[in-house]
Amino acid sequence: QVQLVESGGGLVQAGGSLRLSCVATGRMFRINAMGWYRQAPGKQRELVALITDGGNTNVVDSVKGRFTISRDNAKESVFLQMNSLSSEDTAVYSCYAEATDLNLSRSRSVHWGQGTQVTVTS
């Protein structure tokens, strides 16, 4: 069982910064890739940033140079540093993780956080 707990969302003025955190908890699972999705009102959910267990990162073009994804493998946490925020970044941000069962099955699963609201005021 894997649970993702997010924090760091809230209100921020345009040009400001926020840091989102997500901690994965559970037993007998290894967390592989972790990332952040977002969904703005009236828009489809999009992948914002992804980081592999090896540290490779991908960030959507619209936030390159402003957002940075990182992780702490020891704490099974992922972070999203968001700088130079604009109203276009207003969305519900959801943590995402891929996990491998450490039992014999070695099965993989996908997990989602509950989502945290990020609102950028003009």
N, C-alpha and C. Protein backbone atom coordinates (compact mmCIF):
# COMPACT_ATOMS: atom_id res chain seq x y z
N GLN A 1 0.84 -1.17 0.00
CA GLN A 1 0.00 0.00 0.00
C GLN A 1 0.89 1.24 0.00
N VAL A 2 0.61 2.12 -0.94
CA VAL A 2 1.36 3.35 -1.08
C VAL A 2 0.39 4.52 -0.97
N GLN A 3 0.76 5.49 -0.20
CA GLN A 3 -0.03 6.69 -0.07
C GLN A 3 0.87 7.90 -0.31
N LEU A 4 0.35 8.86 -1.06
CA LEU A 4 1.08 10.07 -1.37
C LEU A 4 0.44 11.23 -0.63
N VAL A 5 1.24 11.94 0.14
CA VAL A 5 0.77 13.07 0.93
C VAL A 5 1.45 14.32 0.42
N GLU A 6 0.65 15.29 -0.01
CA GLU A 6 1.15 16.51 -0.61
C GLU A 6 1.01 17.68 0.35
N SER A 7 1.84 18.67 0.11
CA SER A 7 1.77 19.91 0.87
C SER A 7 2.42 21.02 0.06
N GLY A 8 2.15 22.25 0.43
CA GLY A 8 2.81 23.39 -0.17
C GLY A 8 1.97 24.25 -1.07
N GLY A 9 0.77 23.81 -1.41
CA GLY A 9 -0.08 24.62 -2.25
C GLY A 9 -0.65 25.80 -1.51
N GLY A 10 -1.24 26.71 -2.26
CA GLY A 10 -1.84 27.89 -1.65
C GLY A 10 -1.94 29.03 -2.62
N LEU A 11 -2.13 30.20 -2.05
CA LEU A 11 -2.24 31.44 -2.82
C LEU A 11 -0.89 32.12 -2.91
N VAL A 12 -0.61 32.66 -4.07
CA VAL A 12 0.63 33.39 -4.27
C VAL A 12 0.41 34.46 -5.33
N GLN A 13 1.08 35.57 -5.18
CA GLN A 13 0.98 36.63 -6.17
C GLN A 13 1.82 36.30 -7.40
N ALA A 14 1.41 36.85 -8.53
CA ALA A 14 2.18 36.66 -9.75
C ALA A 14 3.62 37.10 -9.55
N GLY A 15 4.51 36.28 -10.05
CA GLY A 15 5.93 36.52 -9.86
C GLY A 15 6.51 35.86 -8.64
N GLY A 16 5.66 35.34 -7.79
CA GLY A 16 6.11 34.70 -6.57
C GLY A 16 6.48 33.25 -6.78
N SER A 17 6.75 32.58 -5.67
CA SER A 17 7.22 31.20 -5.71
C SER A 17 6.47 30.34 -4.71
N LEU A 18 6.39 29.08 -5.02
CA LEU A 18 5.87 28.07 -4.13
C LEU A 18 6.71 26.81 -4.28
N ARG A 19 6.73 26.02 -3.23
CA ARG A 19 7.43 24.75 -3.26
C ARG A 19 6.46 23.66 -2.82
N LEU A 20 6.16 22.76 -3.73
CA LEU A 20 5.28 21.65 -3.44
C LEU A 20 6.10 20.45 -2.98
N SER A 21 5.55 19.73 -2.03
CA SER A 21 6.21 18.54 -1.51
C SER A 21 5.23 17.37 -1.56
N CYS A 22 5.78 16.20 -1.77
CA CYS A 22 4.98 14.99 -1.78
C CYS A 22 5.82 13.88 -1.16
N VAL A 23 5.25 13.21 -0.18
CA VAL A 23 5.92 12.13 0.51
C VAL A 23 5.16 10.84 0.28
N ALA A 24 5.86 9.82 -0.15
CA ALA A 24 5.27 8.50 -0.35
C ALA A 24 5.50 7.65 0.88
N THR A 25 4.43 7.06 1.38
CA THR A 25 4.52 6.19 2.54
C THR A 25 3.91 4.84 2.20
N GLY A 26 4.41 3.82 2.84
CA GLY A 26 3.92 2.48 2.62
C GLY A 26 5.00 1.46 2.92
N ARG A 27 4.62 0.20 2.81
CA ARG A 27 5.55 -0.88 3.08
C ARG A 27 5.67 -1.78 1.86
N MET A 28 6.84 -2.33 1.69
CA MET A 28 7.12 -3.34 0.67
C MET A 28 6.91 -2.80 -0.74
N PHE A 29 7.20 -1.54 -0.93
CA PHE A 29 7.16 -0.94 -2.25
C PHE A 29 8.41 -0.12 -2.47
N ARG A 30 8.89 -0.14 -3.68
CA ARG A 30 9.97 0.74 -4.10
C ARG A 30 9.39 1.76 -5.06
N ILE A 31 9.61 3.02 -4.76
CA ILE A 31 9.12 4.08 -5.61
C ILE A 31 10.09 4.30 -6.77
N ASN A 32 9.56 4.28 -7.96
CA ASN A 32 10.38 4.50 -9.14
C ASN A 32 10.25 5.96 -9.58
N ALA A 33 9.59 6.21 -10.67
CA ALA A 33 9.42 7.59 -11.11
C ALA A 33 8.40 8.32 -10.23
N MET A 34 8.62 9.59 -10.05
CA MET A 34 7.68 10.47 -9.36
C MET A 34 7.53 11.74 -10.17
N GLY A 35 6.39 12.36 -10.04
CA GLY A 35 6.18 13.57 -10.81
C GLY A 35 4.98 14.36 -10.33
N TRP A 36 4.70 15.39 -11.10
CA TRP A 36 3.60 16.28 -10.80
C TRP A 36 2.77 16.50 -12.04
N TYR A 37 1.47 16.34 -11.89
CA TYR A 37 0.51 16.71 -12.90
C TYR A 37 -0.26 17.92 -12.41
N ARG A 38 -0.89 18.60 -13.35
CA ARG A 38 -1.77 19.70 -12.97
C ARG A 38 -2.97 19.73 -13.90
N GLN A 39 -4.05 20.24 -13.37
CA GLN A 39 -5.26 20.40 -14.15
C GLN A 39 -5.90 21.74 -13.81
N ALA A 40 -5.95 22.60 -14.81
CA ALA A 40 -6.58 23.89 -14.66
C ALA A 40 -8.05 23.78 -15.02
N PRO A 41 -8.87 24.70 -14.53
CA PRO A 41 -10.29 24.66 -14.86
C PRO A 41 -10.52 24.68 -16.36
N GLY A 42 -11.34 23.75 -16.83
CA GLY A 42 -11.66 23.68 -18.24
C GLY A 42 -10.59 23.08 -19.12
N LYS A 43 -9.51 22.61 -18.54
CA LYS A 43 -8.43 22.03 -19.31
C LYS A 43 -8.18 20.60 -18.87
N GLN A 44 -7.52 19.86 -19.74
CA GLN A 44 -7.16 18.49 -19.42
C GLN A 44 -5.94 18.46 -18.50
N ARG A 45 -5.83 17.37 -17.78
CA ARG A 45 -4.68 17.19 -16.94
C ARG A 45 -3.42 17.03 -17.79
N GLU A 46 -2.36 17.67 -17.37
CA GLU A 46 -1.11 17.58 -18.09
C GLU A 46 0.03 17.24 -17.15
N LEU A 47 1.00 16.55 -17.69
CA LEU A 47 2.20 16.26 -16.93
C LEU A 47 3.08 17.49 -16.90
N VAL A 48 3.41 17.94 -15.70
CA VAL A 48 4.24 19.12 -15.54
C VAL A 48 5.70 18.75 -15.47
N ALA A 49 6.01 17.78 -14.64
CA ALA A 49 7.41 17.39 -14.44
C ALA A 49 7.47 15.96 -13.96
N LEU A 50 8.53 15.29 -14.33
CA LEU A 50 8.74 13.90 -13.95
C LEU A 50 10.20 13.70 -13.63
N ILE A 51 10.46 12.89 -12.63
CA ILE A 51 11.83 12.56 -12.27
C ILE A 51 11.91 11.07 -12.01
N THR A 52 12.91 10.42 -12.59
CA THR A 52 13.09 9.00 -12.43
C THR A 52 13.87 8.71 -11.15
N ASP A 53 13.93 7.43 -10.81
CA ASP A 53 14.70 7.06 -9.63
C ASP A 53 16.18 7.30 -9.84
N GLY A 54 16.61 7.42 -11.09
CA GLY A 54 17.99 7.73 -11.39
C GLY A 54 18.29 9.21 -11.44
N GLY A 55 17.28 10.05 -11.28
CA GLY A 55 17.49 11.48 -11.23
C GLY A 55 17.27 12.21 -12.55
N ASN A 56 16.90 11.49 -13.60
CA ASN A 56 16.61 12.16 -14.86
C ASN A 56 15.28 12.88 -14.77
N THR A 57 15.23 14.08 -15.32
CA THR A 57 14.04 14.91 -15.20
C THR A 57 13.52 15.34 -16.56
N ASN A 58 12.23 15.54 -16.62
CA ASN A 58 11.57 16.11 -17.77
C ASN A 58 10.55 17.12 -17.27
N VAL A 59 10.55 18.27 -17.90
CA VAL A 59 9.65 19.35 -17.52
C VAL A 59 8.94 19.85 -18.77
N VAL A 60 7.66 20.08 -18.66
CA VAL A 60 6.89 20.55 -19.80
C VAL A 60 7.42 21.93 -20.24
N ASP A 61 7.37 22.18 -21.53
CA ASP A 61 7.98 23.38 -22.08
C ASP A 61 7.47 24.66 -21.43
N SER A 62 6.20 24.69 -21.09
CA SER A 62 5.61 25.92 -20.59
C SER A 62 6.18 26.35 -19.24
N VAL A 63 6.84 25.46 -18.53
CA VAL A 63 7.38 25.82 -17.22
C VAL A 63 8.89 25.69 -17.17
N LYS A 64 9.52 25.35 -18.26
CA LYS A 64 10.97 25.23 -18.28
C LYS A 64 11.61 26.57 -17.92
N GLY A 65 12.62 26.49 -17.09
CA GLY A 65 13.28 27.69 -16.62
C GLY A 65 12.63 28.29 -15.39
N ARG A 66 11.44 27.83 -15.05
CA ARG A 66 10.73 28.35 -13.88
C ARG A 66 10.50 27.29 -12.82
N PHE A 67 10.20 26.08 -13.25
CA PHE A 67 9.92 24.99 -12.32
C PHE A 67 11.08 24.02 -12.30
N THR A 68 11.36 23.49 -11.13
CA THR A 68 12.40 22.50 -10.96
C THR A 68 11.87 21.35 -10.12
N ILE A 69 12.03 20.15 -10.62
CA ILE A 69 11.61 18.97 -9.87
C ILE A 69 12.84 18.32 -9.28
N SER A 70 12.70 17.83 -8.07
CA SER A 70 13.78 17.13 -7.39
C SER A 70 13.17 16.08 -6.48
N ARG A 71 14.02 15.22 -5.96
CA ARG A 71 13.53 14.17 -5.07
C ARG A 71 14.57 13.82 -4.03
N ASP A 72 14.08 13.26 -2.97
CA ASP A 72 14.91 12.73 -1.90
C ASP A 72 14.58 11.25 -1.80
N ASN A 73 15.43 10.42 -2.36
CA ASN A 73 15.15 9.00 -2.40
C ASN A 73 15.07 8.37 -1.01
N ALA A 74 15.91 8.84 -0.11
CA ALA A 74 15.91 8.29 1.23
C ALA A 74 14.58 8.52 1.93
N LYS A 75 13.97 9.65 1.66
CA LYS A 75 12.69 9.98 2.27
C LYS A 75 11.51 9.71 1.35
N GLU A 76 11.80 9.17 0.18
CA GLU A 76 10.77 8.88 -0.82
C GLU A 76 9.86 10.09 -1.03
N SER A 77 10.50 11.21 -1.29
CA SER A 77 9.78 12.46 -1.47
C SER A 77 10.14 13.08 -2.81
N VAL A 78 9.21 13.86 -3.33
CA VAL A 78 9.44 14.61 -4.54
C VAL A 78 8.99 16.04 -4.29
N PHE A 79 9.70 16.97 -4.92
CA PHE A 79 9.44 18.38 -4.70
C PHE A 79 9.30 19.08 -6.05
N LEU A 80 8.54 20.13 -6.05
CA LEU A 80 8.41 20.96 -7.23
C LEU A 80 8.59 22.41 -6.80
N GLN A 81 9.73 22.97 -7.15
CA GLN A 81 10.00 24.37 -6.89
C GLN A 81 9.45 25.18 -8.05
N MET A 82 8.52 26.06 -7.76
CA MET A 82 7.84 26.85 -8.78
C MET A 82 8.18 28.31 -8.57
N ASN A 83 8.86 28.88 -9.54
CA ASN A 83 9.25 30.28 -9.50
C ASN A 83 8.58 31.05 -10.62
N SER A 84 8.58 32.36 -10.48
CA SER A 84 8.00 33.25 -11.49
C SER A 84 6.61 32.81 -11.90
N LEU A 85 5.80 32.55 -10.91
CA LEU A 85 4.46 32.04 -11.17
C LEU A 85 3.58 33.10 -11.83
N SER A 86 2.72 32.63 -12.70
CA SER A 86 1.75 33.48 -13.37
C SER A 86 0.37 32.87 -13.22
N SER A 87 -0.64 33.62 -13.62
CA SER A 87 -2.00 33.13 -13.51
C SER A 87 -2.22 31.87 -14.33
N GLU A 88 -1.44 31.68 -15.36
CA GLU A 88 -1.56 30.47 -16.18
C GLU A 88 -1.15 29.22 -15.43
N ASP A 89 -0.48 29.38 -14.31
CA ASP A 89 -0.07 28.24 -13.51
C ASP A 89 -1.12 27.82 -12.50
N THR A 90 -2.19 28.57 -12.41
CA THR A 90 -3.26 28.22 -11.48
C THR A 90 -3.87 26.88 -11.87
N ALA A 91 -3.87 25.95 -10.95
CA ALA A 91 -4.37 24.61 -11.23
C ALA A 91 -4.33 23.79 -9.96
N VAL A 92 -4.94 22.63 -10.02
CA VAL A 92 -4.77 21.62 -8.99
C VAL A 92 -3.58 20.77 -9.38
N TYR A 93 -2.61 20.72 -8.51
CA TYR A 93 -1.39 19.96 -8.75
C TYR A 93 -1.46 18.65 -7.98
N SER A 94 -1.20 17.56 -8.69
CA SER A 94 -1.30 16.24 -8.09
C SER A 94 0.03 15.51 -8.19
N CYS A 95 0.42 14.93 -7.10
CA CYS A 95 1.62 14.12 -7.07
C CYS A 95 1.35 12.76 -7.72
N TYR A 96 2.34 12.25 -8.39
CA TYR A 96 2.24 10.99 -9.12
C TYR A 96 3.46 10.14 -8.79
N ALA A 97 3.24 8.85 -8.63
CA ALA A 97 4.35 7.96 -8.35
C ALA A 97 4.09 6.60 -8.96
N GLU A 98 5.15 6.00 -9.44
CA GLU A 98 5.14 4.63 -9.91
C GLU A 98 5.91 3.79 -8.90
N ALA A 99 5.32 2.67 -8.51
CA ALA A 99 5.91 1.84 -7.48
C ALA A 99 6.02 0.40 -7.95
N THR A 100 7.00 -0.29 -7.40
CA THR A 100 7.19 -1.70 -7.64
C THR A 100 7.01 -2.45 -6.33
N ASP A 101 6.18 -3.47 -6.36
CA ASP A 101 5.97 -4.32 -5.20
C ASP A 101 7.25 -5.11 -4.92
N LEU A 102 7.73 -5.05 -3.70
CA LEU A 102 8.95 -5.76 -3.34
C LEU A 102 8.72 -7.23 -3.02
N ASN A 103 7.50 -7.67 -3.06
CA ASN A 103 7.21 -9.09 -2.91
C ASN A 103 7.53 -9.83 -4.20
N LEU A 104 7.25 -11.11 -4.21
CA LEU A 104 7.61 -11.93 -5.36
C LEU A 104 6.93 -11.49 -6.64
N SER A 105 5.78 -10.88 -6.53
CA SER A 105 5.06 -10.48 -7.72
C SER A 105 5.81 -9.44 -8.53
N ARG A 106 6.54 -8.57 -7.85
CA ARG A 106 7.27 -7.48 -8.49
C ARG A 106 6.36 -6.65 -9.39
N SER A 107 5.11 -6.59 -9.03
CA SER A 107 4.15 -5.87 -9.84
C SER A 107 4.34 -4.37 -9.68
N ARG A 108 3.91 -3.65 -10.70
CA ARG A 108 4.01 -2.21 -10.70
C ARG A 108 2.63 -1.58 -10.55
N SER A 109 2.60 -0.43 -9.95
CA SER A 109 1.36 0.27 -9.72
C SER A 109 1.58 1.76 -9.82
N VAL A 110 0.50 2.47 -10.05
CA VAL A 110 0.52 3.92 -10.17
C VAL A 110 -0.30 4.50 -9.03
N HIS A 111 0.20 5.57 -8.45
CA HIS A 111 -0.46 6.18 -7.30
C HIS A 111 -0.56 7.68 -7.49
N TRP A 112 -1.61 8.22 -6.93
CA TRP A 112 -1.89 9.64 -7.04
C TRP A 112 -2.13 10.26 -5.68
N GLY A 113 -1.65 11.47 -5.52
CA GLY A 113 -2.00 12.24 -4.35
C GLY A 113 -3.39 12.82 -4.49
N GLN A 114 -3.87 13.42 -3.43
CA GLN A 114 -5.22 13.97 -3.44
C GLN A 114 -5.32 15.27 -4.21
N GLY A 115 -4.20 15.89 -4.50
CA GLY A 115 -4.18 17.15 -5.21
C GLY A 115 -4.12 18.33 -4.27
N THR A 116 -3.38 19.34 -4.66
CA THR A 116 -3.28 20.56 -3.87
C THR A 116 -3.48 21.75 -4.80
N GLN A 117 -4.28 22.69 -4.34
CA GLN A 117 -4.63 23.85 -5.16
C GLN A 117 -3.51 24.88 -5.14
N VAL A 118 -3.14 25.33 -6.32
CA VAL A 118 -2.22 26.45 -6.47
C VAL A 118 -2.96 27.55 -7.20
N THR A 119 -3.08 28.68 -6.56
CA THR A 119 -3.77 29.81 -7.14
C THR A 119 -2.83 31.01 -7.19
N VAL A 120 -2.63 31.53 -8.39
CA VAL A 120 -1.75 32.66 -8.60
C VAL A 120 -2.60 33.87 -8.93
N THR A 121 -2.50 34.89 -8.12
CA THR A 121 -3.29 36.10 -8.32
C THR A 121 -2.54 37.08 -9.21
N SER A 122 -3.30 37.79 -10.04
CA SER A 122 -2.71 38.74 -10.97
C SER A 122 -2.29 40.01 -10.25
